[in-house]
Amino acid sequence: MNRTLLIAGLVGVLAVGGLGAAAVYNWVLGPTLAPSAPISALPLQLASTPSPALVIPNTAGEPTAAPTTTAAPAPTAAAMAAPAGGLTVFQISQAESEVRFIIFEELRGQPVDVVGKSNQVAGELAVNPAELSSAQVGVIRVNARTLVTDQDRRNQAIRNRILNTDSYEFITFTPTEVRGLSGSAAPGDTQTFQLAGDLTIRDVTKPVVFDVTVTAEAADRLKGSALATITWADFGLIIPDVPFVANVGDTVRLELDFVALAK
């Protein structure tokens, strides 16, 4: 009788242990949801009297022009048919763009820069080459479910444990101010400036400033890059303990290489 009970108890322990291991595996390395759709830009609604970074999202997440102190007259049909203030709207091309994060880790005693990347980045901007200070930038979105590194296990851990992409599919950057952009530009000219805004990762939003470089390769084509450094702990992110990883850097470098085409 005692032997029978002992065997039954061992079977029960093994069964519970197996279920626990499966639960832990799914929590860390289990499957995650695929992207809900190809990335698309939130439409940029131009202010009738442009000024730097007047594109602010409303509570529904759609971009809208910031209010002015005086009411603007109703636009005429001709004005509605033309770009506001001579602005041309450009849209990020996924085929020629890439967003990346870079974080240091010590893997099996060796220093490694882990790079995660995706081309699922979208956004719109508007530029008048005769008056660069009137430039407007819309919300930049990245589909976090598409970020990949050089290891599948790391990808799953990032999606399940760090970014929780099943619940938070998109990382967004909402510009609030363009700094240091003025004068005029011709095709071939390169401009450097800063773009300040609010970065949202999961359910945490923090102010971030990107250093931006843009070259007008043609009247209908812009090519540029944007760089910023954040601290992952500031966004409430938790890096799980992983065997063979002795150390993880405190900061994350964010990079965007983009081509934007006139609509």
Protein backbone atom coordinates (compact mmCIF):
# COMPACT_ATOMS: atom_id res chain seq x y z
CA MET A 1 0.00 0.00 0.00
CA ASN A 2 2.76 2.44 0.98
CA ARG A 3 4.66 1.58 -2.19
CA THR A 4 1.56 2.28 -4.27
CA LEU A 5 1.05 5.64 -2.58
CA LEU A 6 4.72 6.54 -3.09
CA ILE A 7 4.55 5.76 -6.79
CA ALA A 8 1.31 7.71 -7.16
CA GLY A 9 2.90 10.67 -5.36
CA LEU A 10 5.95 10.66 -7.61
CA VAL A 11 3.75 10.55 -10.69
CA GLY A 12 1.79 13.50 -9.34
CA VAL A 13 4.93 15.51 -8.63
CA LEU A 14 6.28 14.81 -12.10
CA ALA A 15 2.95 15.79 -13.69
CA VAL A 16 2.77 19.06 -11.77
CA GLY A 17 6.42 19.75 -12.53
CA GLY A 18 5.78 19.13 -16.21
CA LEU A 19 2.83 21.51 -16.22
CA GLY A 20 4.91 24.13 -14.39
CA ALA A 21 7.76 23.79 -16.84
CA ALA A 22 5.35 24.13 -19.75
CA ALA A 23 3.83 27.25 -18.20
CA VAL A 24 7.26 28.81 -17.67
CA TYR A 25 8.29 27.89 -21.21
CA ASN A 26 5.17 29.53 -22.68
CA TRP A 27 5.65 32.58 -20.46
CA VAL A 28 9.20 33.14 -21.67
CA LEU A 29 9.65 31.37 -25.01
CA GLY A 30 6.15 30.47 -26.12
CA PRO A 31 4.45 31.70 -29.29
CA THR A 32 3.37 35.32 -29.69
CA LEU A 33 0.81 37.04 -31.87
CA ALA A 34 1.72 37.96 -35.42
CA PRO A 35 1.38 41.58 -36.61
CA SER A 36 -2.27 42.53 -36.98
CA ALA A 37 -1.57 44.16 -40.38
CA PRO A 38 1.26 45.75 -42.37
CA ILE A 39 2.33 49.01 -40.73
CA SER A 40 0.67 52.20 -41.93
CA ALA A 41 1.14 55.86 -41.07
CA LEU A 42 -1.37 57.93 -39.15
CA PRO A 43 -2.42 60.65 -41.61
CA LEU A 44 -0.76 63.99 -41.04
CA GLN A 45 -3.30 66.84 -40.81
CA LEU A 46 -1.53 70.04 -41.73
CA ALA A 47 -2.02 73.24 -39.79
CA SER A 48 -3.35 76.07 -41.96
CA THR A 49 -0.61 78.36 -40.61
CA PRO A 50 2.32 76.00 -40.08
CA SER A 51 4.81 76.41 -37.29
CA PRO A 52 7.30 73.92 -35.89
CA ALA A 53 5.88 70.61 -34.64
CA LEU A 54 2.22 71.56 -34.47
CA VAL A 55 1.09 67.98 -34.98
CA ILE A 56 -0.24 66.59 -31.72
CA PRO A 57 -2.29 63.38 -31.32
CA ASN A 58 -5.74 63.64 -29.83
CA THR A 59 -7.10 61.16 -27.30
CA ALA A 60 -8.14 58.80 -30.08
CA GLY A 61 -4.56 58.58 -31.29
CA GLU A 62 -5.16 60.48 -34.55
CA PRO A 63 -2.93 63.49 -35.27
CA THR A 64 -4.52 66.91 -35.19
CA ALA A 65 -3.29 70.47 -35.46
CA ALA A 66 -2.59 72.32 -32.22
CA PRO A 67 -5.11 75.08 -31.41
CA THR A 68 -4.22 78.69 -32.15
CA THR A 69 -5.17 81.73 -30.14
CA THR A 70 -7.24 83.23 -32.96
CA ALA A 71 -9.71 81.49 -35.21
CA ALA A 72 -8.48 81.05 -38.78
CA PRO A 73 -10.83 81.90 -41.66
CA ALA A 74 -12.46 79.04 -43.52
CA PRO A 75 -10.13 77.85 -46.32
CA THR A 76 -11.18 78.38 -49.90
CA ALA A 77 -11.53 75.50 -52.34
CA ALA A 78 -8.25 76.50 -53.99
CA ALA A 79 -6.45 76.58 -50.65
CA MET A 80 -7.79 73.16 -49.73
CA ALA A 81 -6.51 71.71 -52.99
CA ALA A 82 -2.95 72.99 -52.41
CA PRO A 83 -0.49 71.96 -49.69
CA ALA A 84 -0.79 74.19 -46.62
CA GLY A 85 1.90 76.88 -46.55
CA GLY A 86 3.69 75.31 -49.52
CA LEU A 87 4.29 72.13 -47.54
CA THR A 88 4.84 68.81 -49.30
CA VAL A 89 3.84 65.70 -47.36
CA PHE A 90 6.33 62.83 -47.32
CA GLN A 91 5.69 59.29 -46.13
CA ILE A 92 8.26 56.83 -44.75
CA SER A 93 8.92 53.99 -47.19
CA GLN A 94 9.15 50.61 -45.43
CA ALA A 95 11.03 49.10 -48.38
CA GLU A 96 13.94 51.50 -47.81
CA SER A 97 13.79 52.12 -44.06
CA GLU A 98 14.87 50.32 -40.90
CA VAL A 99 14.47 50.94 -37.18
CA ARG A 100 16.91 49.41 -34.68
CA PHE A 101 17.64 49.08 -30.99
CA ILE A 102 21.15 48.30 -29.73
CA ILE A 103 21.93 47.13 -26.19
CA PHE A 104 25.13 45.78 -24.67
CA GLU A 105 25.24 42.39 -22.98
CA GLU A 106 27.94 40.04 -21.75
CA LEU A 107 27.19 36.65 -23.29
CA ARG A 108 29.25 33.67 -22.10
CA GLY A 109 31.93 36.08 -20.93
CA GLN A 110 32.12 37.91 -24.25
CA PRO A 111 30.91 41.51 -24.81
CA VAL A 112 28.14 41.65 -27.41
CA ASP A 113 26.07 44.47 -28.89
CA VAL A 114 22.62 42.99 -29.40
CA VAL A 115 20.86 44.54 -32.38
CA GLY A 116 17.10 44.26 -32.93
CA LYS A 117 15.63 45.59 -36.14
CA SER A 118 12.51 45.89 -38.29
CA ASN A 119 11.33 47.69 -41.40
CA GLN A 120 7.81 48.00 -39.98
CA VAL A 121 8.09 51.71 -39.20
CA ALA A 122 5.64 54.33 -40.46
CA GLY A 123 5.09 58.05 -40.28
CA GLU A 124 4.58 61.24 -42.24
CA LEU A 125 6.29 64.62 -42.32
CA ALA A 126 5.70 67.83 -44.25
CA VAL A 127 8.36 70.20 -45.50
CA ASN A 128 8.45 73.49 -47.38
CA PRO A 129 12.01 73.76 -48.79
CA ALA A 130 11.66 77.54 -48.95
CA GLU A 131 10.90 77.77 -45.22
CA LEU A 132 12.24 74.84 -43.19
CA SER A 133 11.02 76.24 -39.88
CA SER A 134 7.46 75.40 -40.93
CA ALA A 135 8.21 71.64 -41.05
CA GLN A 136 5.67 69.38 -39.36
CA VAL A 137 6.15 65.78 -38.20
CA GLY A 138 3.46 63.22 -37.46
CA VAL A 139 3.40 60.25 -35.13
CA ILE A 140 6.10 57.65 -35.84
CA ARG A 141 4.97 54.06 -35.23
CA VAL A 142 6.95 50.80 -35.00
CA ASN A 143 5.35 47.36 -34.84
CA ALA A 144 7.12 45.78 -31.86
CA ARG A 145 5.97 42.29 -32.90
CA THR A 146 8.30 42.44 -35.90
CA LEU A 147 11.55 43.29 -34.09
CA VAL A 148 14.13 40.53 -34.56
CA THR A 149 17.67 39.89 -33.33
CA ASP A 150 20.09 37.14 -34.32
CA GLN A 151 18.53 34.58 -31.95
CA ASP A 152 14.99 33.20 -31.96
CA ARG A 153 15.01 32.55 -28.21
CA ARG A 154 16.00 36.15 -27.53
CA ASN A 155 13.24 37.32 -29.89
CA GLN A 156 10.63 35.36 -27.98
CA ALA A 157 11.90 36.60 -24.62
CA ILE A 158 11.75 40.20 -25.87
CA ARG A 159 8.19 39.78 -27.13
CA ASN A 160 6.87 37.78 -24.16
CA ARG A 161 8.74 39.15 -21.17
CA ILE A 162 10.15 42.58 -22.03
CA LEU A 163 7.83 44.33 -24.50
CA ASN A 164 4.68 42.20 -23.98
CA THR A 165 3.84 42.59 -27.65
CA ASP A 166 0.62 40.56 -27.47
CA SER A 167 -0.84 43.43 -25.41
CA TYR A 168 1.25 46.34 -26.75
CA GLU A 169 1.74 45.91 -30.48
CA PHE A 170 3.10 49.37 -31.29
CA ILE A 171 5.88 51.59 -30.03
CA THR A 172 5.07 55.23 -30.83
CA PHE A 173 6.95 58.52 -30.90
CA THR A 174 4.81 61.66 -30.87
CA PRO A 175 6.81 64.78 -31.86
CA THR A 176 6.24 67.96 -29.87
CA GLU A 177 9.00 70.29 -31.10
CA VAL A 178 11.45 70.69 -33.97
CA ARG A 179 14.66 72.37 -32.80
CA GLY A 180 17.31 74.04 -34.93
CA LEU A 181 15.69 73.79 -38.36
CA SER A 182 15.46 77.04 -40.32
CA GLY A 183 16.30 78.71 -43.60
CA SER A 184 15.78 77.06 -46.97
CA ALA A 185 17.09 73.98 -48.76
CA ALA A 186 17.71 72.75 -52.29
CA PRO A 187 18.04 69.17 -53.59
CA GLY A 188 21.34 67.77 -52.33
CA ASP A 189 21.41 69.83 -49.14
CA THR A 190 21.75 68.16 -45.74
CA GLN A 191 20.09 69.47 -42.58
CA THR A 192 20.78 68.55 -38.95
CA PHE A 193 18.33 69.30 -36.15
CA GLN A 194 16.68 67.83 -33.08
CA LEU A 195 13.20 66.35 -32.80
CA ALA A 196 11.73 66.31 -29.29
CA GLY A 197 8.68 64.28 -28.40
CA ASP A 198 7.04 61.61 -26.28
CA LEU A 199 8.13 57.99 -26.67
CA THR A 200 5.64 55.32 -25.60
CA ILE A 201 6.82 51.76 -24.93
CA ARG A 202 4.15 49.44 -23.59
CA ASP A 203 2.10 51.70 -21.27
CA VAL A 204 4.88 54.10 -20.26
CA THR A 205 5.51 57.45 -21.97
CA LYS A 206 8.68 59.51 -21.49
CA PRO A 207 10.14 62.60 -23.24
CA VAL A 208 12.96 61.77 -25.68
CA VAL A 209 15.04 63.91 -28.05
CA PHE A 210 16.33 62.50 -31.33
CA ASP A 211 19.29 63.91 -33.24
CA VAL A 212 18.19 63.97 -36.88
CA THR A 213 20.05 64.32 -40.17
CA VAL A 214 18.09 64.63 -43.43
CA THR A 215 19.29 65.01 -47.01
CA ALA A 216 16.98 66.13 -49.81
CA GLU A 217 18.09 63.67 -52.50
CA ALA A 218 15.42 65.05 -54.83
CA ALA A 219 12.32 67.21 -54.65
CA ASP A 220 10.25 64.10 -53.93
CA ARG A 221 12.73 62.05 -51.88
CA LEU A 222 14.27 62.57 -48.44
CA LYS A 223 16.85 60.31 -46.83
CA GLY A 224 17.82 60.57 -43.20
CA SER A 225 18.64 59.10 -39.82
CA ALA A 226 17.52 59.70 -36.25
CA LEU A 227 19.40 58.70 -33.08
CA ALA A 228 18.53 58.73 -29.37
CA THR A 229 19.60 56.92 -26.21
CA ILE A 230 17.18 55.84 -23.48
CA THR A 231 17.42 53.96 -20.19
CA TRP A 232 15.26 50.83 -20.28
CA ALA A 233 14.47 51.03 -16.57
CA ASP A 234 12.87 54.48 -17.11
CA PHE A 235 10.20 52.76 -19.22
CA GLY A 236 9.50 50.10 -16.61
CA LEU A 237 11.12 47.38 -18.71
CA ILE A 238 12.48 44.32 -16.92
CA ILE A 239 15.34 42.31 -18.39
CA PRO A 240 14.88 38.65 -17.29
CA ASP A 241 17.77 36.65 -15.87
CA VAL A 242 19.04 34.35 -18.59
CA PRO A 243 21.73 31.65 -18.29
CA PHE A 244 25.08 32.62 -19.84
CA VAL A 245 24.20 36.36 -19.74
CA ALA A 246 26.24 37.95 -16.93
CA ASN A 247 25.54 41.62 -17.58
CA VAL A 248 23.18 43.85 -19.57
CA GLY A 249 23.80 47.54 -20.25
CA ASP A 250 21.59 50.16 -18.64
CA THR A 251 21.00 52.11 -21.86
CA VAL A 252 19.47 51.34 -25.24
CA ARG A 253 20.47 53.12 -28.43
CA LEU A 254 17.57 53.80 -30.80
CA GLU A 255 18.31 54.27 -34.50
CA LEU A 256 16.14 54.99 -37.50
CA ASP A 257 17.43 55.04 -41.07
CA PHE A 258 14.65 56.17 -43.37
CA VAL A 259 13.64 57.20 -46.84
CA ALA A 260 10.54 59.34 -47.14
CA LEU A 261 8.77 59.80 -50.47
CA ALA A 262 6.41 62.62 -51.49
CA LYS A 263 2.78 61.52 -51.54
